[in-house]
Amino acid sequence: MGNDNSAKPPINVDYFEDLTGDIRSGAEPVCDQIGDRIQRIRQEKGLTITELSQLTGFDEQMLEDIEKNEVCPQLGTMIKLSKALDAALQRLISDEGKKMYVVTRHDERNIVSRSTSKKGARSAYTYMSLAPEVQGRHMEALIVQLEHITDEDRSVHTGEEFIYVLDGKVTLDIGEDHFVLEPGDSSYYLSTTPHLLSAHEGRATILAVIYSES
């Protein structure tokens, strides 16, 4: 019997609407806090913007715009910054947690941030952390609402990523390959492989787990 691509995936994706909803309205974006944290950690390390630019390869103006909260950095950008600053990724995303574990209820407010395109012109995706309070964690579990983008550079950084499509269709360009993922589809890849995620059209929602090496 042939595959029926029109069949619904073997999960109840409506369940995830309670978890995600429109995460833009779940809480106030914390881009300003991210910019403040990056500046504070850079100053703690005694680094200038020029030195941070040399360590990361990012343009000085881009770094200044991030610290001024005029550009909200994407996750790949923050991973590179965390490496250059010798700081755990969670310090940049949500500051350091203080708990040994956390249970996140679907109706609890979560930290939300909106990441813009590399030029800062428009939103690329919105995400919320599912476990910002856990101390010393090496993984970031995120609900990510992707926008449709076509003009972004592929991301390359250390670590590993797992994504699971909750709603909508997702375009995944990885290495030389191109995929369109539907609800219930997933992918696990090394972040050192050039990759780009986007909503295939409109918006899409994914669960993303990012492992960032210390």
Protein backbone atom coordinates (compact mmCIF):
# COMPACT_ATOMS: atom_id res chain seq x y z
CA MET A 1 0.00 0.00 0.00
CA GLY A 2 1.45 3.36 -1.01
CA ASN A 3 2.12 6.28 1.33
CA ASP A 4 -0.74 8.73 1.78
CA ASN A 5 1.00 12.09 2.14
CA SER A 6 -2.32 13.77 2.83
CA ALA A 7 -2.91 11.75 6.00
CA LYS A 8 -2.59 13.60 9.28
CA PRO A 9 0.55 12.87 11.32
CA PRO A 10 0.13 10.36 14.18
CA ILE A 11 0.06 13.14 16.77
CA ASN A 12 -2.60 15.56 17.87
CA VAL A 13 -1.00 18.83 16.80
CA ASP A 14 -3.94 20.74 18.30
CA TYR A 15 -2.48 19.87 21.69
CA PHE A 16 0.47 22.11 20.96
CA GLU A 17 -1.75 25.14 20.44
CA ASP A 18 -2.24 25.19 24.20
CA LEU A 19 1.53 25.08 24.66
CA THR A 20 2.49 27.62 22.03
CA GLY A 21 -0.49 29.71 20.98
CA ASP A 22 0.89 32.87 19.45
CA ILE A 23 4.05 33.18 21.51
CA ARG A 24 4.44 36.79 20.45
CA SER A 25 1.67 37.68 22.87
CA GLY A 26 2.80 35.36 25.68
CA ALA A 27 5.14 37.85 27.32
CA GLU A 28 7.10 40.96 26.56
CA PRO A 29 10.12 40.29 24.30
CA VAL A 30 13.42 40.44 26.19
CA CYS A 31 15.73 41.55 23.40
CA ASP A 32 16.78 44.53 25.52
CA GLN A 33 17.84 42.22 28.35
CA ILE A 34 19.88 40.09 25.93
CA GLY A 35 21.71 43.15 24.61
CA ASP A 36 22.36 44.33 28.15
CA ARG A 37 23.72 40.93 29.17
CA ILE A 38 26.05 40.72 26.18
CA GLN A 39 27.43 44.18 26.95
CA ARG A 40 27.83 43.39 30.64
CA ILE A 41 29.66 40.10 30.03
CA ARG A 42 31.90 41.71 27.39
CA GLN A 43 32.85 44.44 29.83
CA GLU A 44 33.43 41.88 32.59
CA LYS A 45 35.90 40.14 30.26
CA GLY A 46 37.62 43.45 29.54
CA LEU A 47 36.95 43.18 25.80
CA THR A 48 36.34 46.05 23.43
CA ILE A 49 33.82 45.89 20.59
CA THR A 50 36.77 45.67 18.19
CA GLU A 51 38.24 42.70 20.04
CA LEU A 52 34.86 40.94 20.15
CA SER A 53 34.51 41.55 16.42
CA GLN A 54 37.90 39.93 15.81
CA LEU A 55 36.96 36.92 17.95
CA THR A 56 33.59 36.33 16.29
CA GLY A 57 34.02 37.67 12.77
CA PHE A 58 30.93 39.84 13.28
CA ASP A 59 30.91 43.41 12.03
CA GLU A 60 31.55 45.99 14.76
CA GLN A 61 28.44 47.96 13.81
CA MET A 62 26.33 44.82 14.14
CA LEU A 63 27.72 44.18 17.62
CA GLU A 64 27.06 47.76 18.64
CA ASP A 65 23.49 47.51 17.34
CA ILE A 66 22.98 44.30 19.35
CA GLU A 67 24.23 45.92 22.54
CA LYS A 68 22.03 48.95 21.89
CA ASN A 69 19.07 46.55 21.44
CA GLU A 70 18.52 47.77 17.90
CA VAL A 71 19.13 44.27 16.52
CA CYS A 72 17.91 41.12 18.29
CA PRO A 73 20.57 38.42 17.72
CA GLN A 74 19.60 35.05 16.31
CA LEU A 75 20.43 31.89 18.23
CA GLY A 76 23.41 30.99 16.05
CA THR A 77 24.79 34.48 16.61
CA MET A 78 24.38 34.13 20.37
CA ILE A 79 26.12 30.75 20.37
CA LYS A 80 29.14 32.32 18.64
CA LEU A 81 29.07 35.22 21.07
CA SER A 82 28.88 32.85 24.05
CA LYS A 83 32.00 31.07 22.81
CA ALA A 84 33.92 34.29 22.26
CA LEU A 85 32.87 35.60 25.67
CA ASP A 86 33.61 32.26 27.36
CA ALA A 87 30.09 32.35 28.77
CA ALA A 88 27.40 29.68 28.82
CA LEU A 89 24.67 30.22 26.24
CA GLN A 90 22.02 30.45 28.94
CA ARG A 91 23.69 33.55 30.41
CA LEU A 92 22.92 35.35 27.17
CA ILE A 93 19.43 33.93 26.59
CA SER A 94 17.93 34.10 30.07
CA ASP A 95 20.75 34.70 32.54
CA GLU A 96 21.90 31.99 34.94
CA GLY A 97 19.28 29.74 36.50
CA LYS A 98 19.23 28.86 40.16
CA LYS A 99 17.20 25.62 40.29
CA MET A 100 18.22 21.97 40.01
CA TYR A 101 15.11 21.14 37.99
CA VAL A 102 11.99 22.78 36.65
CA VAL A 103 8.50 21.68 35.61
CA THR A 104 7.00 24.07 33.07
CA ARG A 105 3.18 24.18 32.97
CA HIS A 106 1.58 25.02 29.65
CA ASP A 107 -0.18 28.08 31.05
CA GLU A 108 2.86 29.58 32.76
CA ARG A 109 4.48 32.64 31.26
CA ASN A 110 7.80 32.05 29.57
CA ILE A 111 10.67 34.25 28.53
CA VAL A 112 10.06 35.34 24.95
CA SER A 113 12.46 36.95 22.52
CA ARG A 114 12.15 38.05 18.92
CA SER A 115 15.16 37.54 16.67
CA THR A 116 15.56 39.76 13.63
CA SER A 117 17.25 39.17 10.30
CA LYS A 118 20.99 39.75 10.30
CA LYS A 119 20.46 43.28 9.02
CA GLY A 120 17.86 43.87 11.71
CA ALA A 121 15.22 44.84 9.17
CA ARG A 122 12.51 42.33 10.07
CA SER A 123 11.61 39.46 12.35
CA ALA A 124 13.15 36.07 11.52
CA TYR A 125 11.60 34.07 14.35
CA THR A 126 10.24 34.33 17.87
CA TYR A 127 11.18 31.89 20.62
CA MET A 128 10.59 31.14 24.26
CA SER A 129 12.77 29.11 26.60
CA LEU A 130 11.07 26.19 28.34
CA ALA A 131 13.55 25.83 31.21
CA PRO A 132 15.37 29.10 31.89
CA GLU A 133 15.54 28.49 35.64
CA VAL A 134 17.74 25.36 35.54
CA GLN A 135 21.26 25.96 36.81
CA GLY A 136 24.31 24.84 34.83
CA ARG A 137 22.33 23.41 31.90
CA HIS A 138 24.05 22.60 28.60
CA MET A 139 20.88 22.31 26.53
CA GLU A 140 18.33 24.94 25.61
CA ALA A 141 14.78 23.69 25.02
CA LEU A 142 12.83 26.23 23.00
CA ILE A 143 9.51 26.68 21.28
CA VAL A 144 10.30 28.60 18.09
CA GLN A 145 7.83 30.34 15.80
CA LEU A 146 9.52 30.64 12.42
CA GLU A 147 8.85 33.25 9.77
CA HIS A 148 9.29 32.72 6.03
CA ILE A 149 12.74 34.02 5.08
CA THR A 150 14.69 33.64 1.85
CA ASP A 151 17.72 35.91 2.10
CA GLU A 152 19.54 34.71 5.19
CA ASP A 153 23.05 33.28 5.39
CA ARG A 154 23.30 29.75 6.72
CA SER A 155 24.26 29.35 10.34
CA VAL A 156 27.42 27.47 11.38
CA HIS A 157 28.49 27.01 14.99
CA THR A 158 29.55 24.35 17.45
CA GLY A 159 27.07 22.06 19.16
CA GLU A 160 24.13 19.90 18.13
CA GLU A 161 20.47 20.61 17.38
CA PHE A 162 17.23 18.63 17.37
CA ILE A 163 14.05 20.06 15.87
CA TYR A 164 10.51 18.68 15.85
CA VAL A 165 7.81 20.31 13.73
CA LEU A 166 4.68 21.11 15.72
CA ASP A 167 2.67 23.19 13.28
CA GLY A 168 2.98 24.37 9.68
CA LYS A 169 5.66 23.41 7.17
CA VAL A 170 9.36 24.04 7.72
CA THR A 171 12.11 24.45 5.16
CA LEU A 172 15.44 22.98 6.27
CA ASP A 173 18.51 23.64 4.17
CA ILE A 174 21.43 21.66 5.53
CA GLY A 175 24.70 21.07 3.74
CA GLU A 176 23.80 20.60 0.08
CA ASP A 177 20.37 19.16 0.88
CA HIS A 178 16.93 20.78 0.99
CA PHE A 179 13.94 19.43 2.94
CA VAL A 180 10.36 20.46 3.58
CA LEU A 181 9.27 19.12 6.98
CA GLU A 182 5.66 18.70 8.10
CA PRO A 183 4.10 18.29 11.59
CA GLY A 184 5.52 15.18 13.21
CA ASP A 185 8.77 15.34 11.18
CA SER A 186 12.06 15.92 12.98
CA SER A 187 15.75 16.38 12.31
CA TYR A 188 18.93 15.99 14.35
CA TYR A 189 22.14 17.51 13.04
CA LEU A 190 25.53 18.78 14.07
CA SER A 191 25.48 22.57 14.15
CA THR A 192 28.85 22.65 12.39
CA THR A 193 26.97 21.72 9.20
CA PRO A 194 25.76 24.93 7.49
CA HIS A 195 22.00 25.10 8.07
CA LEU A 196 19.03 27.39 7.66
CA LEU A 197 15.52 26.98 9.06
CA SER A 198 12.51 28.87 7.78
CA ALA A 199 8.76 28.56 7.61
CA HIS A 200 7.94 27.12 4.19
CA GLU A 201 5.27 29.80 3.92
CA GLY A 202 3.65 32.06 6.47
CA ARG A 203 4.64 30.80 9.93
CA ALA A 204 5.55 27.45 11.44
CA THR A 205 6.19 26.30 15.01
CA ILE A 206 8.89 23.89 16.12
CA LEU A 207 10.33 22.44 19.29
CA ALA A 208 14.08 22.99 19.20
CA VAL A 209 16.66 21.52 21.57
CA ILE A 210 20.12 23.07 21.24
CA TYR A 211 23.18 21.54 22.86
CA SER A 212 25.99 24.02 23.19
CA GLU A 213 29.38 22.75 24.30
CA SER A 214 30.86 24.57 27.26
